[in-house]
Amino acid sequence: MALVTLTGCGSSETARPGPAATVTETGVQAKYAGTAVSPPRQAPPLALEDSLGRKVRLRDYRGKVVLLTFLYTNCPDICPLIASNLRVVQAELGSAATDVQIVAVSTDPRGDTPAAVNAFLKAHRMTGRMEYLIGSRKQLAPVWKSWYVDARPVPGPDKRIGHSQIVYGITPRGEIRATYPGDFKPAQIVHDVPLLAEESG
């Protein structure tokens, strides 16, 4: 059994891997273009507000495939790439995209203000297409911990946040079945969405 290694955005630090990131090196892996999580694990609870002040709970999206990731709006490299590639995924899924919910969780409690998030979503043409959840450090830190995400400021004047680069593929019944690195290819997730959708009961 191997562990997925997650690296920090704008940082060379390695995040702490956890049970949700365990994978097999058997034939099970070949089912997904992403990295299969075996055994599947129930997604940890998640309840935060979005940039419009609406309460969002992960369980609200039962019945849909959820693609969940961790971003921050001031990120200079990988976060914009993740957002752009997820937009490509939606476009390539066509009508099937209505059965997929994209959720991003902030890794920057101070910088990810509602205004900053709304501007980020607009810039990446994800307004109304991605739920971007924010909160105080007190609210976000337990979420990072339960999802095995490392998020910490990187020393320097540019206010970068070192954080785990990962997208979780979650089934309609709330199980984590696959993971994708920050530099995933949209075709990987497009391939896997129907497989994740099949795991509905």
N, C-alpha and C. Protein backbone atom coordinates (compact mmCIF):
# COMPACT_ATOMS: atom_id res chain seq x y z
N MET A 1 0.85 -1.19 0.00
CA MET A 1 0.00 0.00 0.00
C MET A 1 0.88 1.24 0.00
N ALA A 2 0.55 2.19 -0.86
CA ALA A 2 1.35 3.41 -1.00
C ALA A 2 0.56 4.60 -0.50
N LEU A 3 1.23 5.72 -0.34
CA LEU A 3 0.59 6.95 0.09
C LEU A 3 0.82 8.02 -0.96
N VAL A 4 -0.20 8.82 -1.21
CA VAL A 4 -0.07 9.93 -2.14
C VAL A 4 0.74 11.02 -1.47
N THR A 5 1.73 11.56 -2.15
CA THR A 5 2.52 12.66 -1.63
C THR A 5 1.97 13.96 -2.18
N LEU A 6 1.68 14.88 -1.29
CA LEU A 6 1.09 16.16 -1.67
C LEU A 6 2.10 17.26 -1.40
N THR A 7 2.27 18.18 -2.34
CA THR A 7 3.24 19.24 -2.18
C THR A 7 2.55 20.58 -2.02
N GLY A 8 3.28 21.55 -1.50
CA GLY A 8 2.69 22.84 -1.19
C GLY A 8 2.71 23.78 -2.37
N CYS A 9 1.66 24.58 -2.50
CA CYS A 9 1.57 25.61 -3.54
C CYS A 9 2.55 26.71 -3.22
N GLY A 10 3.47 26.97 -4.15
CA GLY A 10 4.47 27.99 -3.91
C GLY A 10 5.48 27.60 -2.85
N SER A 11 5.58 26.32 -2.57
CA SER A 11 6.48 25.85 -1.53
C SER A 11 6.97 24.47 -1.88
N SER A 12 8.12 24.11 -1.38
CA SER A 12 8.65 22.78 -1.63
C SER A 12 8.33 21.81 -0.50
N GLU A 13 7.57 22.28 0.49
CA GLU A 13 7.24 21.42 1.62
C GLU A 13 6.31 20.30 1.19
N THR A 14 6.40 19.18 1.90
CA THR A 14 5.54 18.04 1.64
C THR A 14 4.49 17.95 2.72
N ALA A 15 3.24 17.86 2.33
CA ALA A 15 2.15 17.79 3.28
C ALA A 15 2.07 16.42 3.91
N ARG A 16 1.44 16.36 5.06
CA ARG A 16 1.27 15.10 5.76
C ARG A 16 0.21 14.27 5.07
N PRO A 17 0.56 13.08 4.56
CA PRO A 17 -0.45 12.24 3.94
C PRO A 17 -1.33 11.60 4.99
N GLY A 18 -2.51 11.18 4.61
CA GLY A 18 -3.41 10.57 5.58
C GLY A 18 -4.19 9.44 4.99
N PRO A 19 -5.05 8.82 5.79
CA PRO A 19 -5.81 7.67 5.34
C PRO A 19 -6.62 7.93 4.08
N ALA A 20 -7.14 9.13 3.93
CA ALA A 20 -7.97 9.39 2.75
C ALA A 20 -7.17 9.32 1.46
N ALA A 21 -5.83 9.33 1.58
CA ALA A 21 -5.00 9.34 0.39
C ALA A 21 -4.34 7.99 0.13
N THR A 22 -4.73 6.95 0.86
CA THR A 22 -4.12 5.65 0.63
C THR A 22 -4.65 5.04 -0.65
N VAL A 23 -3.77 4.33 -1.35
CA VAL A 23 -4.14 3.73 -2.62
C VAL A 23 -3.54 2.34 -2.71
N THR A 24 -4.06 1.58 -3.64
CA THR A 24 -3.49 0.28 -3.90
C THR A 24 -2.68 0.32 -5.17
N GLU A 25 -1.85 -0.68 -5.36
CA GLU A 25 -1.06 -0.81 -6.58
C GLU A 25 -1.48 -2.07 -7.32
N THR A 26 -2.77 -2.38 -7.23
CA THR A 26 -3.30 -3.58 -7.87
C THR A 26 -4.16 -3.19 -9.05
N GLY A 27 -4.90 -4.15 -9.57
CA GLY A 27 -5.76 -3.90 -10.70
C GLY A 27 -6.88 -2.93 -10.40
N VAL A 28 -7.20 -2.72 -9.12
CA VAL A 28 -8.25 -1.77 -8.76
C VAL A 28 -7.89 -0.38 -9.28
N GLN A 29 -6.61 -0.05 -9.22
CA GLN A 29 -6.16 1.27 -9.64
C GLN A 29 -6.49 1.56 -11.09
N ALA A 30 -6.44 0.55 -11.93
CA ALA A 30 -6.60 0.76 -13.36
C ALA A 30 -8.00 1.23 -13.73
N LYS A 31 -8.98 1.05 -12.85
CA LYS A 31 -10.34 1.48 -13.16
C LYS A 31 -10.42 2.98 -13.37
N TYR A 32 -9.65 3.72 -12.60
CA TYR A 32 -9.71 5.18 -12.65
C TYR A 32 -8.48 5.74 -13.34
N ALA A 33 -8.67 6.85 -14.05
CA ALA A 33 -7.53 7.57 -14.60
C ALA A 33 -6.78 8.30 -13.49
N GLY A 34 -7.51 8.66 -12.44
CA GLY A 34 -6.88 9.22 -11.25
C GLY A 34 -6.33 8.10 -10.38
N THR A 35 -5.96 8.43 -9.16
CA THR A 35 -5.43 7.45 -8.22
C THR A 35 -6.57 6.89 -7.38
N ALA A 36 -6.79 5.59 -7.49
CA ALA A 36 -7.89 4.96 -6.76
C ALA A 36 -7.61 4.94 -5.26
N VAL A 37 -8.62 5.22 -4.48
CA VAL A 37 -8.53 5.13 -3.03
C VAL A 37 -9.13 3.80 -2.62
N SER A 38 -8.35 2.95 -2.01
CA SER A 38 -8.82 1.62 -1.65
C SER A 38 -8.29 1.24 -0.27
N PRO A 39 -9.19 0.89 0.65
CA PRO A 39 -10.63 0.83 0.45
C PRO A 39 -11.22 2.24 0.37
N PRO A 40 -12.38 2.39 -0.27
CA PRO A 40 -13.02 3.71 -0.31
C PRO A 40 -13.27 4.22 1.10
N ARG A 41 -13.23 5.53 1.27
CA ARG A 41 -13.42 6.12 2.59
C ARG A 41 -14.53 7.15 2.55
N GLN A 42 -15.32 7.17 3.60
CA GLN A 42 -16.39 8.16 3.68
C GLN A 42 -15.78 9.55 3.78
N ALA A 43 -16.26 10.47 2.99
CA ALA A 43 -15.75 11.84 3.04
C ALA A 43 -16.05 12.46 4.40
N PRO A 44 -15.08 13.13 5.01
CA PRO A 44 -15.33 13.79 6.29
C PRO A 44 -16.42 14.85 6.15
N PRO A 45 -17.17 15.10 7.21
CA PRO A 45 -18.19 16.15 7.18
C PRO A 45 -17.55 17.51 6.87
N LEU A 46 -18.30 18.36 6.23
CA LEU A 46 -17.80 19.67 5.87
C LEU A 46 -19.00 20.63 5.84
N ALA A 47 -18.90 21.71 6.58
CA ALA A 47 -19.97 22.72 6.60
C ALA A 47 -19.34 24.08 6.81
N LEU A 48 -19.38 24.91 5.76
CA LEU A 48 -18.81 26.25 5.81
C LEU A 48 -19.69 27.20 5.00
N GLU A 49 -19.39 28.49 5.08
CA GLU A 49 -20.11 29.45 4.26
C GLU A 49 -19.37 29.73 2.97
N ASP A 50 -20.13 30.03 1.91
CA ASP A 50 -19.51 30.45 0.67
C ASP A 50 -19.33 31.97 0.68
N SER A 51 -18.85 32.52 -0.43
CA SER A 51 -18.54 33.96 -0.48
C SER A 51 -19.77 34.84 -0.44
N LEU A 52 -20.95 34.25 -0.59
CA LEU A 52 -22.21 35.00 -0.51
C LEU A 52 -22.87 34.85 0.85
N GLY A 53 -22.19 34.17 1.77
CA GLY A 53 -22.71 34.00 3.11
C GLY A 53 -23.68 32.85 3.28
N ARG A 54 -23.80 32.01 2.26
CA ARG A 54 -24.70 30.86 2.34
C ARG A 54 -23.99 29.67 2.97
N LYS A 55 -24.69 28.99 3.86
CA LYS A 55 -24.13 27.79 4.48
C LYS A 55 -24.14 26.64 3.48
N VAL A 56 -23.01 25.99 3.32
CA VAL A 56 -22.89 24.88 2.39
C VAL A 56 -22.40 23.66 3.15
N ARG A 57 -23.10 22.57 3.00
CA ARG A 57 -22.71 21.30 3.62
C ARG A 57 -22.42 20.29 2.53
N LEU A 58 -21.37 19.54 2.71
CA LEU A 58 -21.02 18.54 1.71
C LEU A 58 -22.16 17.55 1.51
N ARG A 59 -22.85 17.22 2.59
CA ARG A 59 -23.93 16.24 2.48
C ARG A 59 -25.09 16.75 1.63
N ASP A 60 -25.15 18.07 1.40
CA ASP A 60 -26.20 18.62 0.54
C ASP A 60 -26.08 18.11 -0.89
N TYR A 61 -24.90 17.62 -1.25
CA TYR A 61 -24.66 17.19 -2.63
C TYR A 61 -24.71 15.68 -2.81
N ARG A 62 -25.29 14.98 -1.82
CA ARG A 62 -25.51 13.55 -2.01
C ARG A 62 -26.37 13.35 -3.26
N GLY A 63 -26.00 12.37 -4.05
CA GLY A 63 -26.70 12.15 -5.31
C GLY A 63 -25.94 12.72 -6.50
N LYS A 64 -24.89 13.53 -6.21
CA LYS A 64 -24.03 14.06 -7.25
C LYS A 64 -22.59 13.61 -7.02
N VAL A 65 -21.83 13.55 -8.09
CA VAL A 65 -20.38 13.42 -7.96
C VAL A 65 -19.85 14.77 -7.49
N VAL A 66 -18.97 14.76 -6.50
CA VAL A 66 -18.36 15.99 -6.01
C VAL A 66 -16.86 15.95 -6.28
N LEU A 67 -16.36 17.04 -6.84
CA LEU A 67 -14.93 17.24 -7.02
C LEU A 67 -14.53 18.32 -6.02
N LEU A 68 -13.75 17.94 -5.01
CA LEU A 68 -13.43 18.86 -3.92
C LEU A 68 -11.94 19.13 -3.90
N THR A 69 -11.59 20.41 -3.78
CA THR A 69 -10.19 20.79 -3.76
C THR A 69 -9.97 21.91 -2.76
N PHE A 70 -8.71 22.30 -2.57
CA PHE A 70 -8.33 23.33 -1.61
C PHE A 70 -7.48 24.38 -2.33
N LEU A 71 -7.94 25.66 -2.27
CA LEU A 71 -7.32 26.72 -3.05
C LEU A 71 -7.13 27.98 -2.20
N TYR A 72 -6.42 28.96 -2.78
CA TYR A 72 -6.47 30.32 -2.24
C TYR A 72 -6.35 31.30 -3.39
N THR A 73 -7.02 32.42 -3.26
CA THR A 73 -7.21 33.33 -4.39
C THR A 73 -5.94 34.03 -4.84
N ASN A 74 -4.98 34.22 -3.94
CA ASN A 74 -3.75 34.93 -4.28
C ASN A 74 -2.67 34.00 -4.81
N CYS A 75 -2.98 32.74 -5.00
CA CYS A 75 -2.01 31.75 -5.47
C CYS A 75 -1.55 32.13 -6.88
N PRO A 76 -0.23 32.10 -7.13
CA PRO A 76 0.26 32.54 -8.43
C PRO A 76 0.33 31.45 -9.49
N ASP A 77 0.15 30.19 -9.10
CA ASP A 77 0.41 29.14 -10.08
C ASP A 77 -0.62 28.01 -10.08
N ILE A 78 -0.55 27.12 -9.11
CA ILE A 78 -1.32 25.87 -9.22
C ILE A 78 -2.81 26.08 -9.00
N CYS A 79 -3.22 27.00 -8.12
CA CYS A 79 -4.65 27.19 -7.87
C CYS A 79 -5.39 27.70 -9.11
N PRO A 80 -4.86 28.70 -9.82
CA PRO A 80 -5.52 29.10 -11.07
C PRO A 80 -5.56 27.95 -12.08
N LEU A 81 -4.52 27.13 -12.10
CA LEU A 81 -4.51 25.98 -13.02
C LEU A 81 -5.61 25.00 -12.67
N ILE A 82 -5.77 24.70 -11.38
CA ILE A 82 -6.82 23.78 -10.94
C ILE A 82 -8.19 24.32 -11.34
N ALA A 83 -8.44 25.60 -11.05
CA ALA A 83 -9.74 26.19 -11.38
C ALA A 83 -9.99 26.15 -12.89
N SER A 84 -8.99 26.50 -13.67
CA SER A 84 -9.15 26.50 -15.13
C SER A 84 -9.40 25.09 -15.66
N ASN A 85 -8.67 24.12 -15.13
CA ASN A 85 -8.85 22.74 -15.60
C ASN A 85 -10.19 22.17 -15.18
N LEU A 86 -10.69 22.58 -14.03
CA LEU A 86 -12.02 22.12 -13.62
C LEU A 86 -13.10 22.73 -14.51
N ARG A 87 -12.88 23.95 -14.98
CA ARG A 87 -13.81 24.55 -15.94
C ARG A 87 -13.80 23.77 -17.25
N VAL A 88 -12.62 23.33 -17.67
CA VAL A 88 -12.52 22.50 -18.88
C VAL A 88 -13.26 21.18 -18.68
N VAL A 89 -13.12 20.60 -17.49
CA VAL A 89 -13.83 19.35 -17.18
C VAL A 89 -15.33 19.55 -17.36
N GLN A 90 -15.87 20.63 -16.79
CA GLN A 90 -17.30 20.90 -16.93
C GLN A 90 -17.70 21.02 -18.39
N ALA A 91 -16.90 21.73 -19.17
CA ALA A 91 -17.23 21.93 -20.58
C ALA A 91 -17.22 20.60 -21.33
N GLU A 92 -16.24 19.77 -21.05
CA GLU A 92 -16.12 18.50 -21.77
C GLU A 92 -17.16 17.47 -21.33
N LEU A 93 -17.67 17.63 -20.12
CA LEU A 93 -18.72 16.71 -19.66
C LEU A 93 -20.06 17.01 -20.32
N GLY A 94 -20.23 18.22 -20.82
CA GLY A 94 -21.48 18.59 -21.47
C GLY A 94 -22.65 18.53 -20.50
N SER A 95 -23.73 17.90 -20.91
CA SER A 95 -24.93 17.85 -20.07
C SER A 95 -24.71 17.07 -18.78
N ALA A 96 -23.73 16.16 -18.77
CA ALA A 96 -23.43 15.38 -17.56
C ALA A 96 -22.88 16.26 -16.44
N ALA A 97 -22.42 17.46 -16.77
CA ALA A 97 -21.87 18.36 -15.76
C ALA A 97 -22.92 18.78 -14.73
N THR A 98 -24.19 18.67 -15.06
CA THR A 98 -25.24 19.05 -14.11
C THR A 98 -25.29 18.09 -12.93
N ASP A 99 -24.70 16.92 -13.08
CA ASP A 99 -24.68 15.93 -12.00
C ASP A 99 -23.36 15.93 -11.26
N VAL A 100 -22.57 16.99 -11.45
CA VAL A 100 -21.27 17.13 -10.79
C VAL A 100 -21.23 18.46 -10.06
N GLN A 101 -20.78 18.44 -8.81
CA GLN A 101 -20.61 19.68 -8.05
C GLN A 101 -19.13 19.88 -7.74
N ILE A 102 -18.62 21.06 -8.07
CA ILE A 102 -17.25 21.41 -7.74
C ILE A 102 -17.25 22.26 -6.48
N VAL A 103 -16.40 21.87 -5.53
CA VAL A 103 -16.30 22.59 -4.26
C VAL A 103 -14.83 22.89 -4.00
N ALA A 104 -14.54 24.14 -3.67
CA ALA A 104 -13.20 24.54 -3.24
C ALA A 104 -13.28 25.04 -1.81
N VAL A 105 -12.27 24.69 -1.03
CA VAL A 105 -12.18 25.15 0.36
C VAL A 105 -10.95 26.03 0.48
N SER A 106 -11.10 27.17 1.11
CA SER A 106 -9.99 28.11 1.25
C SER A 106 -8.87 27.55 2.13
N THR A 107 -7.64 27.89 1.74
CA THR A 107 -6.48 27.61 2.59
C THR A 107 -5.88 28.91 3.12
N ASP A 108 -6.58 30.02 2.92
CA ASP A 108 -6.07 31.34 3.33
C ASP A 108 -7.18 32.13 4.01
N PRO A 109 -7.39 31.91 5.30
CA PRO A 109 -8.49 32.57 6.00
C PRO A 109 -8.42 34.10 5.93
N ARG A 110 -7.23 34.65 5.93
CA ARG A 110 -7.08 36.10 5.93
C ARG A 110 -7.29 36.69 4.54
N GLY A 111 -6.70 36.08 3.54
CA GLY A 111 -6.73 36.65 2.19
C GLY A 111 -7.98 36.35 1.40
N ASP A 112 -8.63 35.24 1.70
CA ASP A 112 -9.81 34.83 0.93
C ASP A 112 -11.07 35.49 1.49
N THR A 113 -11.17 36.78 1.25
CA THR A 113 -12.36 37.53 1.63
C THR A 113 -13.47 37.25 0.61
N PRO A 114 -14.72 37.56 0.93
CA PRO A 114 -15.78 37.39 -0.06
C PRO A 114 -15.48 38.12 -1.37
N ALA A 115 -14.96 39.33 -1.29
CA ALA A 115 -14.66 40.09 -2.51
C ALA A 115 -13.57 39.42 -3.32
N ALA A 116 -12.52 38.92 -2.63
CA ALA A 116 -11.42 38.26 -3.34
C ALA A 116 -11.90 36.98 -4.01
N VAL A 117 -12.74 36.23 -3.32
CA VAL A 117 -13.26 34.98 -3.87
C VAL A 117 -14.15 35.26 -5.08
N ASN A 118 -15.02 36.24 -4.96
CA ASN A 118 -15.91 36.56 -6.08
C ASN A 118 -15.11 37.00 -7.30
N ALA A 119 -14.04 37.76 -7.07
CA ALA A 119 -13.18 38.20 -8.18
C ALA A 119 -12.45 37.01 -8.81
N PHE A 120 -11.99 36.09 -7.98
CA PHE A 120 -11.31 34.89 -8.47
C PHE A 120 -12.25 34.05 -9.33
N LEU A 121 -13.46 33.84 -8.84
CA LEU A 121 -14.44 33.05 -9.58
C LEU A 121 -14.77 33.71 -10.92
N LYS A 122 -14.93 35.02 -10.91
CA LYS A 122 -15.23 35.74 -12.14
C LYS A 122 -14.07 35.63 -13.13
N ALA A 123 -12.84 35.80 -12.62
CA ALA A 123 -11.67 35.77 -13.49
C ALA A 123 -11.50 34.41 -14.17
N HIS A 124 -11.91 33.35 -13.48
CA HIS A 124 -11.74 32.00 -14.02
C HIS A 124 -13.05 31.43 -14.58
N ARG A 125 -14.03 32.31 -14.74
CA ARG A 125 -15.33 31.94 -15.31
C ARG A 125 -15.97 30.77 -14.56
N MET A 126 -15.89 30.85 -13.23
CA MET A 126 -16.45 29.80 -12.39
C MET A 126 -17.57 30.31 -11.48
N THR A 127 -18.00 31.55 -11.68
CA THR A 127 -19.12 32.07 -10.90
C THR A 127 -20.37 31.22 -11.16
N GLY A 128 -20.96 30.72 -10.09
CA GLY A 128 -22.13 29.86 -10.21
C GLY A 128 -21.80 28.44 -10.62
N ARG A 129 -20.52 28.14 -10.81
CA ARG A 129 -20.11 26.81 -11.25
C ARG A 129 -19.23 26.11 -10.22
N MET A 130 -18.76 26.87 -9.25
CA MET A 130 -17.92 26.32 -8.18
C MET A 130 -18.35 26.94 -6.86
N GLU A 131 -18.54 26.12 -5.86
CA GLU A 131 -18.75 26.61 -4.50
C GLU A 131 -17.37 26.81 -3.87
N TYR A 132 -17.07 28.04 -3.48
CA TYR A 132 -15.77 28.36 -2.87
C TYR A 132 -16.05 28.71 -1.41
N LEU A 133 -15.63 27.84 -0.50
CA LEU A 133 -15.99 27.97 0.91
C LEU A 133 -14.88 28.65 1.69
N ILE A 134 -15.28 29.56 2.56
CA ILE A 134 -14.33 30.37 3.30
C ILE A 134 -14.67 30.34 4.79
N GLY A 135 -13.79 30.96 5.58
CA GLY A 135 -14.05 31.03 7.01
C GLY A 135 -12.81 31.52 7.75
N SER A 136 -12.92 31.59 9.05
CA SER A 136 -11.79 31.97 9.89
C SER A 136 -10.85 30.79 10.02
N ARG A 137 -9.65 31.04 10.53
CA ARG A 137 -8.73 29.93 10.77
C ARG A 137 -9.34 28.92 11.73
N LYS A 138 -10.06 29.40 12.73
CA LYS A 138 -10.70 28.50 13.68
C LYS A 138 -11.70 27.58 12.99
N GLN A 139 -12.38 28.10 11.99
CA GLN A 139 -13.37 27.30 11.25
C GLN A 139 -12.71 26.38 10.23
N LEU A 140 -11.65 26.86 9.59
CA LEU A 140 -11.04 26.10 8.50
C LEU A 140 -10.05 25.04 8.98
N ALA A 141 -9.33 25.32 10.05
CA ALA A 141 -8.28 24.39 10.50
C ALA A 141 -8.80 22.97 10.75
N PRO A 142 -9.96 22.79 11.40
CA PRO A 142 -10.46 21.41 11.58
C PRO A 142 -10.79 20.73 10.25
N VAL A 143 -11.22 21.51 9.26
CA VAL A 143 -11.51 20.95 7.94
C VAL A 143 -10.22 20.48 7.29
N TRP A 144 -9.18 21.32 7.33
CA TRP A 144 -7.89 20.91 6.77
C TRP A 144 -7.41 19.62 7.43
N LYS A 145 -7.54 19.56 8.74
CA LYS A 145 -7.05 18.38 9.47
C LYS A 145 -7.81 17.13 9.07
N SER A 146 -9.13 17.23 8.97
CA SER A 146 -9.93 16.04 8.67
C SER A 146 -9.73 15.56 7.24
N TRP A 147 -9.30 16.48 6.34
CA TRP A 147 -9.04 16.11 4.95
C TRP A 147 -7.56 15.91 4.67
N TYR A 148 -6.74 15.92 5.73
CA TYR A 148 -5.30 15.69 5.60
C TYR A 148 -4.65 16.70 4.66
N VAL A 149 -5.04 17.95 4.83
CA VAL A 149 -4.51 19.04 4.03
C VAL A 149 -3.62 19.91 4.91
N ASP A 150 -2.42 20.18 4.42
CA ASP A 150 -1.49 21.06 5.10
C ASP A 150 -1.63 22.45 4.49
N ALA A 151 -1.82 23.46 5.32
CA ALA A 151 -1.95 24.84 4.83
C ALA A 151 -1.23 25.76 5.80
N ARG A 152 -0.21 26.43 5.29
CA ARG A 152 0.55 27.31 6.16
C ARG A 152 1.21 28.41 5.34
N PRO A 153 1.34 29.61 5.92
CA PRO A 153 2.01 30.70 5.21
C PRO A 153 3.47 30.35 4.91
N VAL A 154 3.95 30.78 3.75
CA VAL A 154 5.34 30.61 3.36
C VAL A 154 6.06 31.93 3.63
N PRO A 155 7.17 31.92 4.37
CA PRO A 155 7.88 33.18 4.65
C PRO A 155 8.23 33.92 3.36
N GLY A 156 8.02 35.23 3.37
CA GLY A 156 8.32 36.03 2.19
C GLY A 156 7.32 37.14 2.02
N PRO A 157 7.62 38.09 1.16
CA PRO A 157 6.77 39.27 1.00
C PRO A 157 5.52 39.04 0.16
N ASP A 158 5.45 37.91 -0.56
CA ASP A 158 4.33 37.73 -1.50
C ASP A 158 3.13 37.01 -0.90
N LYS A 159 3.17 36.72 0.39
CA LYS A 159 2.04 36.15 1.13
C LYS A 159 1.53 34.84 0.50
N ARG A 160 2.46 34.00 0.11
CA ARG A 160 2.07 32.70 -0.43
C ARG A 160 1.65 31.76 0.69
N ILE A 161 0.82 30.80 0.33
CA ILE A 161 0.37 29.77 1.27
C ILE A 161 0.84 28.42 0.73
N GLY A 162 1.64 27.72 1.51
CA GLY A 162 2.01 26.36 1.14
C GLY A 162 0.85 25.45 1.51
N HIS A 163 0.33 24.71 0.55
CA HIS A 163 -0.81 23.84 0.86
C HIS A 163 -0.82 22.62 -0.05
N SER A 164 -1.55 21.62 0.38
CA SER A 164 -1.66 20.38 -0.37
C SER A 164 -2.41 20.60 -1.67
N GLN A 165 -1.88 20.06 -2.73
CA GLN A 165 -2.48 20.19 -4.05
C GLN A 165 -3.16 18.88 -4.41
N ILE A 166 -4.47 18.86 -4.29
CA ILE A 166 -5.20 17.61 -4.53
C ILE A 166 -6.65 17.91 -4.89
N VAL A 167 -7.21 17.07 -5.71
CA VAL A 167 -8.65 17.10 -5.98
C VAL A 167 -9.19 15.74 -5.59
N TYR A 168 -10.23 15.74 -4.78
CA TYR A 168 -10.87 14.49 -4.35
C TYR A 168 -12.06 14.19 -5.26
N GLY A 169 -12.16 12.96 -5.73
CA GLY A 169 -13.33 12.50 -6.46
C GLY A 169 -14.24 11.74 -5.52
N ILE A 170 -15.44 12.28 -5.28
CA ILE A 170 -16.36 11.75 -4.28
C ILE A 170 -17.62 11.26 -4.96
N THR A 171 -18.06 10.07 -4.58
CA THR A 171 -19.21 9.45 -5.21
C THR A 171 -20.52 10.07 -4.73
N PRO A 172 -21.63 9.80 -5.42
CA PRO A 172 -22.93 10.33 -4.99
C PRO A 172 -23.35 9.90 -3.59
N ARG A 173 -22.77 8.84 -3.08
CA ARG A 173 -23.12 8.44 -1.70
C ARG A 173 -22.06 8.90 -0.68
N GLY A 174 -21.16 9.77 -1.13
CA GLY A 174 -20.26 10.41 -0.18
C GLY A 174 -18.98 9.69 0.12
N GLU A 175 -18.53 8.81 -0.77
CA GLU A 175 -17.28 8.09 -0.57
C GLU A 175 -16.17 8.67 -1.44
N ILE A 176 -14.99 8.82 -0.87
CA ILE A 176 -13.81 9.21 -1.65
C ILE A 176 -13.31 7.98 -2.38
N ARG A 177 -13.33 8.04 -3.70
CA ARG A 177 -12.92 6.89 -4.51
C ARG A 177 -11.67 7.14 -5.32
N ALA A 178 -11.34 8.42 -5.59
CA ALA A 178 -10.18 8.73 -6.41
C ALA A 178 -9.63 10.09 -6.03
N THR A 179 -8.35 10.27 -6.28
CA THR A 179 -7.71 11.57 -6.06
C THR A 179 -6.91 11.94 -7.30
N TYR A 180 -6.66 13.25 -7.43
CA TYR A 180 -5.96 13.78 -8.60
C TYR A 180 -4.97 14.84 -8.12
N PRO A 181 -3.79 14.88 -8.70
CA PRO A 181 -2.81 15.91 -8.32
C PRO A 181 -3.22 17.27 -8.85
N GLY A 182 -2.57 18.31 -8.35
CA GLY A 182 -2.91 19.65 -8.78
C GLY A 182 -2.73 19.88 -10.27
N ASP A 183 -1.80 19.15 -10.88
CA ASP A 183 -1.57 19.31 -12.31
C ASP A 183 -2.27 18.23 -13.13
N PHE A 184 -3.44 17.78 -12.65
CA PHE A 184 -4.19 16.75 -13.36
C PHE A 184 -4.54 17.20 -14.77
N LYS A 185 -4.77 16.24 -15.63
CA LYS A 185 -5.26 16.53 -16.97
C LYS A 185 -6.79 16.45 -16.94
N PRO A 186 -7.49 17.42 -17.52
CA PRO A 186 -8.95 17.37 -17.51
C PRO A 186 -9.51 16.04 -18.00
N ALA A 187 -8.85 15.43 -18.98
CA ALA A 187 -9.34 14.16 -19.52
C ALA A 187 -9.40 13.07 -18.46
N GLN A 188 -8.53 13.15 -17.45
CA GLN A 188 -8.55 12.15 -16.38
C GLN A 188 -9.88 12.19 -15.63
N ILE A 189 -10.29 13.38 -15.24
CA ILE A 189 -11.54 13.50 -14.47
C ILE A 189 -12.75 13.26 -15.37
N VAL A 190 -12.69 13.74 -16.60
CA VAL A 190 -13.79 13.47 -17.54
C VAL A 190 -14.00 11.97 -17.69
N HIS A 191 -12.92 11.22 -17.75
CA HIS A 191 -13.00 9.76 -17.83
C HIS A 191 -13.62 9.16 -16.58
N ASP A 192 -13.26 9.73 -15.42
CA ASP A 192 -13.62 9.10 -14.15
C ASP A 192 -15.00 9.48 -13.64
N VAL A 193 -15.55 10.60 -14.05
CA VAL A 193 -16.85 11.04 -13.53
C VAL A 193 -17.94 9.97 -13.72
N PRO A 194 -18.08 9.36 -14.91
CA PRO A 194 -19.10 8.30 -15.03
C PRO A 194 -18.85 7.11 -14.11
N LEU A 195 -17.57 6.81 -13.85
CA LEU A 195 -17.26 5.71 -12.95
C LEU A 195 -17.61 6.06 -11.52
N LEU A 196 -17.33 7.29 -11.12
CA LEU A 196 -17.71 7.75 -9.78
C LEU A 196 -19.23 7.76 -9.64
N ALA A 197 -19.92 8.18 -10.70
CA ALA A 197 -21.39 8.24 -10.66
C ALA A 197 -22.01 6.87 -10.51
N GLU A 198 -21.35 5.84 -11.03
CA GLU A 198 -21.86 4.47 -10.91
C GLU A 198 -21.87 3.97 -9.47
N GLU A 199 -20.99 4.54 -8.65
CA GLU A 199 -20.86 4.11 -7.25
C GLU A 199 -21.91 4.82 -6.39
N SER A 200 -23.16 4.64 -6.74
CA SER A 200 -24.22 5.42 -6.09
C SER A 200 -25.10 4.62 -5.14
N GLY A 201 -24.79 3.37 -5.00
CA GLY A 201 -25.64 2.61 -4.09
C GLY A 201 -25.34 1.15 -4.08
